[in-house]
Every structure is written in C-alpha cells, then in structure tokens.
C-alpha cells in the first residue's frame, strides 16, 4: 500500500452535489492499494500515519503527532498512486488492486484510523471528486507498506 500524506491547514472532498468530507488542521491521506496487499499492509500504514511526528512543537521542530495537536484526518482512495509511467505515455495500472479488494482494504484502513481518532472524514470510493486543500509547509510524505521494495 502507498499513502501520500500531506499536512494541511484545511482540506475537503467535493462531489457534484455535496461536500463528502472536510477537515481543518490535520492530515490529508491519499491511499493506493496494490494487488498483493493485505490487512497487515493496512495495519502498518495506520500505525505509521498516527506515529508520524510531522507537526511543529513550540520550538518549530517537527515533533508532534496528529493526535497530539488535536488534528483531523481526511482519507481519499487514489488508484493513480499505482500508475506506472515508466513505459510509453499512458500509465499502466496492472499492479493496482481490483476495485473490490481495493475498496475492502480502503474501508479497513479507515476503520483502523477511526479506532485511533473518532472523526475521520473520507472521499467516496470510485467517484470523481474534487479535492481542495491548503498544504501546510508544504509537508508531504510518501509512505509505503512494509512489503514494498
């Protein structure tokens, strides 16, 4: 699994008729699922996201976690994190998980996050969305599950 994590001042997921999710200060996580991923990959990334010390303390040093600063979390499914652009000009998604498996692991990841933080906002799986965010820093990290090479 891959998680692109952005520290944000605010972020939202907008669908044609409504706002699906929105947060203030916190983390925007784009989550991609690979065909070989399983529950242990999701568990690993949940622990990693909540363990990241990427918020500044009183001395301006990245030293605090999401929960320590009382931040929020917005999780958005992102198949394009497994788009392979090395050959040609059209991305290949052959290593991405099939939609059924990807949605299962996406939902499992969200539930793992909700066990650590009651309010977790989300995008809508397999829907076209407009993501609006104000990146704080900018601070962006690409996390990969323990089985990635």
Protein backbone atom coordinates (compact mmCIF):
# COMPACT_ATOMS: atom_id res chain seq x y z
CA UNK A 1 0.00 0.00 0.00
CA UNK A 2 1.00 3.56 -0.56
CA UNK A 3 -0.14 6.59 1.37
CA UNK A 4 0.65 10.10 0.23
CA UNK A 5 0.35 12.14 3.42
CA UNK A 6 0.01 15.91 3.36
CA UNK A 7 -0.07 18.15 6.40
CA UNK A 8 -2.89 20.59 5.76
CA UNK A 9 -4.47 23.67 7.24
CA UNK A 10 -7.77 22.51 5.74
CA UNK A 11 -9.00 20.04 3.12
CA UNK A 12 -12.26 18.86 1.60
CA UNK A 13 -13.69 16.36 -0.85
CA UNK A 14 -16.35 17.83 -3.11
CA UNK A 15 -18.78 15.82 -5.23
CA UNK A 16 -21.11 17.37 -7.82
CA UNK A 17 -23.99 17.73 -5.35
CA UNK A 18 -22.34 17.85 -1.93
CA UNK A 19 -19.26 18.02 0.24
CA UNK A 20 -18.38 14.42 1.12
CA UNK A 21 -15.84 15.28 3.81
CA UNK A 22 -13.92 18.23 5.17
CA UNK A 23 -11.36 18.86 7.88
CA UNK A 24 -9.45 21.70 9.45
CA UNK A 25 -5.86 21.31 10.59
CA UNK A 26 -4.63 17.76 10.14
CA UNK A 27 -3.63 15.23 7.52
CA UNK A 28 -4.92 14.54 4.03
CA UNK A 29 -4.09 10.94 3.12
CA UNK A 30 -4.32 9.63 -0.42
CA UNK A 31 -4.36 5.81 -0.21
CA UNK A 32 -3.41 3.42 -3.01
CA UNK A 33 -3.83 -0.36 -2.83
CA UNK A 34 -1.61 -2.84 -4.68
CA UNK A 35 -2.83 -6.23 -5.87
CA UNK A 36 -0.60 -8.08 -3.37
CA UNK A 37 -1.62 -6.00 -0.33
CA UNK A 38 -3.42 -7.50 2.65
CA UNK A 39 -4.68 -6.49 6.09
CA UNK A 40 -1.16 -6.32 7.51
CA UNK A 41 -0.25 -3.62 4.99
CA UNK A 42 -3.23 -1.52 6.09
CA UNK A 43 -2.41 -2.06 9.78
CA UNK A 44 1.18 -0.99 9.14
CA UNK A 45 0.13 2.23 7.42
CA UNK A 46 -2.44 3.10 10.09
CA UNK A 47 0.28 2.81 12.73
CA UNK A 48 2.71 4.78 10.59
CA UNK A 49 0.28 7.65 9.88
CA UNK A 50 -0.59 8.01 13.56
CA UNK A 51 3.04 7.71 14.63
CA UNK A 52 4.36 10.38 12.28
CA UNK A 53 5.80 13.31 14.19
CA UNK A 54 5.30 15.94 11.49
CA UNK A 55 3.61 18.77 13.38
CA UNK A 56 5.73 21.52 14.88
CA UNK A 57 6.18 21.82 18.62
CA UNK A 58 6.67 25.11 20.46
CA UNK A 59 10.25 25.34 19.16
CA UNK A 60 9.35 24.93 15.48
CA UNK A 61 10.64 21.36 15.33
CA UNK A 62 8.58 18.55 13.78
CA UNK A 63 7.94 16.67 16.98
CA UNK A 64 4.19 16.17 17.47
CA UNK A 65 1.75 13.62 16.07
CA UNK A 66 -1.71 14.17 14.64
CA UNK A 67 -3.39 13.23 17.91
CA UNK A 68 -1.04 15.40 19.99
CA UNK A 69 -2.13 18.50 18.07
CA UNK A 70 -5.81 17.51 18.07
CA UNK A 71 -5.82 17.31 14.29
CA UNK A 72 -8.29 15.75 11.88
CA UNK A 73 -7.87 13.17 9.13
CA UNK A 74 -9.23 13.02 5.59
CA UNK A 75 -8.66 9.75 3.67
CA UNK A 76 -9.14 9.56 -0.10
CA UNK A 77 -8.79 6.48 -2.28
CA UNK A 78 -6.20 7.06 -5.02
CA UNK A 79 -5.61 4.29 -7.58
CA UNK A 80 -3.21 6.52 -9.52
CA UNK A 81 -0.59 6.05 -6.78
CA UNK A 82 -0.01 2.71 -8.55
CA UNK A 83 0.07 4.16 -12.04
CA UNK A 84 3.30 3.01 -13.69
CA UNK A 85 4.52 5.65 -16.17
CA UNK A 86 7.91 4.14 -17.00
CA UNK A 87 6.90 2.87 -20.45
CA UNK A 88 5.09 4.92 -23.05
CA UNK A 89 2.82 7.83 -22.23
CA UNK A 90 -0.26 6.11 -20.81
CA UNK A 91 0.01 4.90 -17.21
CA UNK A 92 -0.37 1.19 -16.55
CA UNK A 93 -2.37 0.15 -13.51
CA UNK A 94 -1.54 -3.56 -13.71
CA UNK A 95 -0.14 -3.66 -10.16
CA UNK A 96 -3.14 -1.86 -8.63
CA UNK A 97 -5.68 -3.98 -6.74
CA UNK A 98 -9.00 -4.80 -8.37
CA UNK A 99 -11.79 -2.46 -7.16
CA UNK A 100 -13.41 -4.99 -4.80
CA UNK A 101 -10.16 -5.69 -2.98
CA UNK A 102 -9.06 -2.05 -3.04
CA UNK A 103 -12.35 -0.90 -1.51
CA UNK A 104 -12.20 -3.60 1.17
CA UNK A 105 -8.69 -2.55 2.23
CA UNK A 106 -9.56 1.15 1.93
CA UNK A 107 -12.53 0.66 4.29
CA UNK A 108 -10.39 -1.48 6.61
CA UNK A 109 -7.76 1.31 6.72
CA UNK A 110 -10.47 3.88 7.54
CA UNK A 111 -11.85 1.73 10.37
CA UNK A 112 -8.32 1.33 11.76
CA UNK A 113 -7.95 5.11 11.72
CA UNK A 114 -11.32 5.56 13.43
CA UNK A 115 -10.16 3.34 16.29
CA UNK A 116 -7.45 5.95 16.94
CA UNK A 117 -9.37 9.11 16.07
CA UNK A 118 -13.17 9.29 16.31
CA UNK A 119 -13.72 11.74 13.47
CA UNK A 120 -12.19 10.57 10.21
CA UNK A 121 -13.56 12.09 7.02
CA UNK A 122 -13.36 10.28 3.67
CA UNK A 123 -13.75 10.57 -0.04
CA UNK A 124 -16.13 8.31 -1.98
CA UNK A 125 -14.57 5.19 -3.47
CA UNK A 126 -14.54 5.12 -7.31
CA UNK A 127 -16.21 8.52 -7.65
CA UNK A 128 -14.87 11.56 -9.43
CA UNK A 129 -14.05 14.06 -6.71
CA UNK A 130 -12.56 17.48 -6.40
CA UNK A 131 -10.06 17.63 -3.59
CA UNK A 132 -9.41 21.06 -2.17
CA UNK A 133 -6.56 21.53 0.26
CA UNK A 134 -4.25 24.10 1.71
CA UNK A 135 -0.97 22.34 2.33
CA UNK A 136 0.85 23.42 5.48
CA UNK A 137 4.56 23.83 4.88
CA UNK A 138 4.36 22.28 2.36
CA UNK A 139 4.84 19.00 4.20
CA UNK A 140 4.23 15.86 2.12
CA UNK A 141 5.46 12.29 2.66
CA UNK A 142 5.07 9.11 0.62
CA UNK A 143 4.65 6.09 2.90
CA UNK A 144 4.82 2.53 1.67
CA UNK A 145 3.77 -0.59 3.50
CA UNK A 146 6.43 -2.87 4.90
CA UNK A 147 6.28 -5.24 1.92
CA UNK A 148 7.13 -2.58 -0.66
CA UNK A 149 10.54 -2.61 -2.27
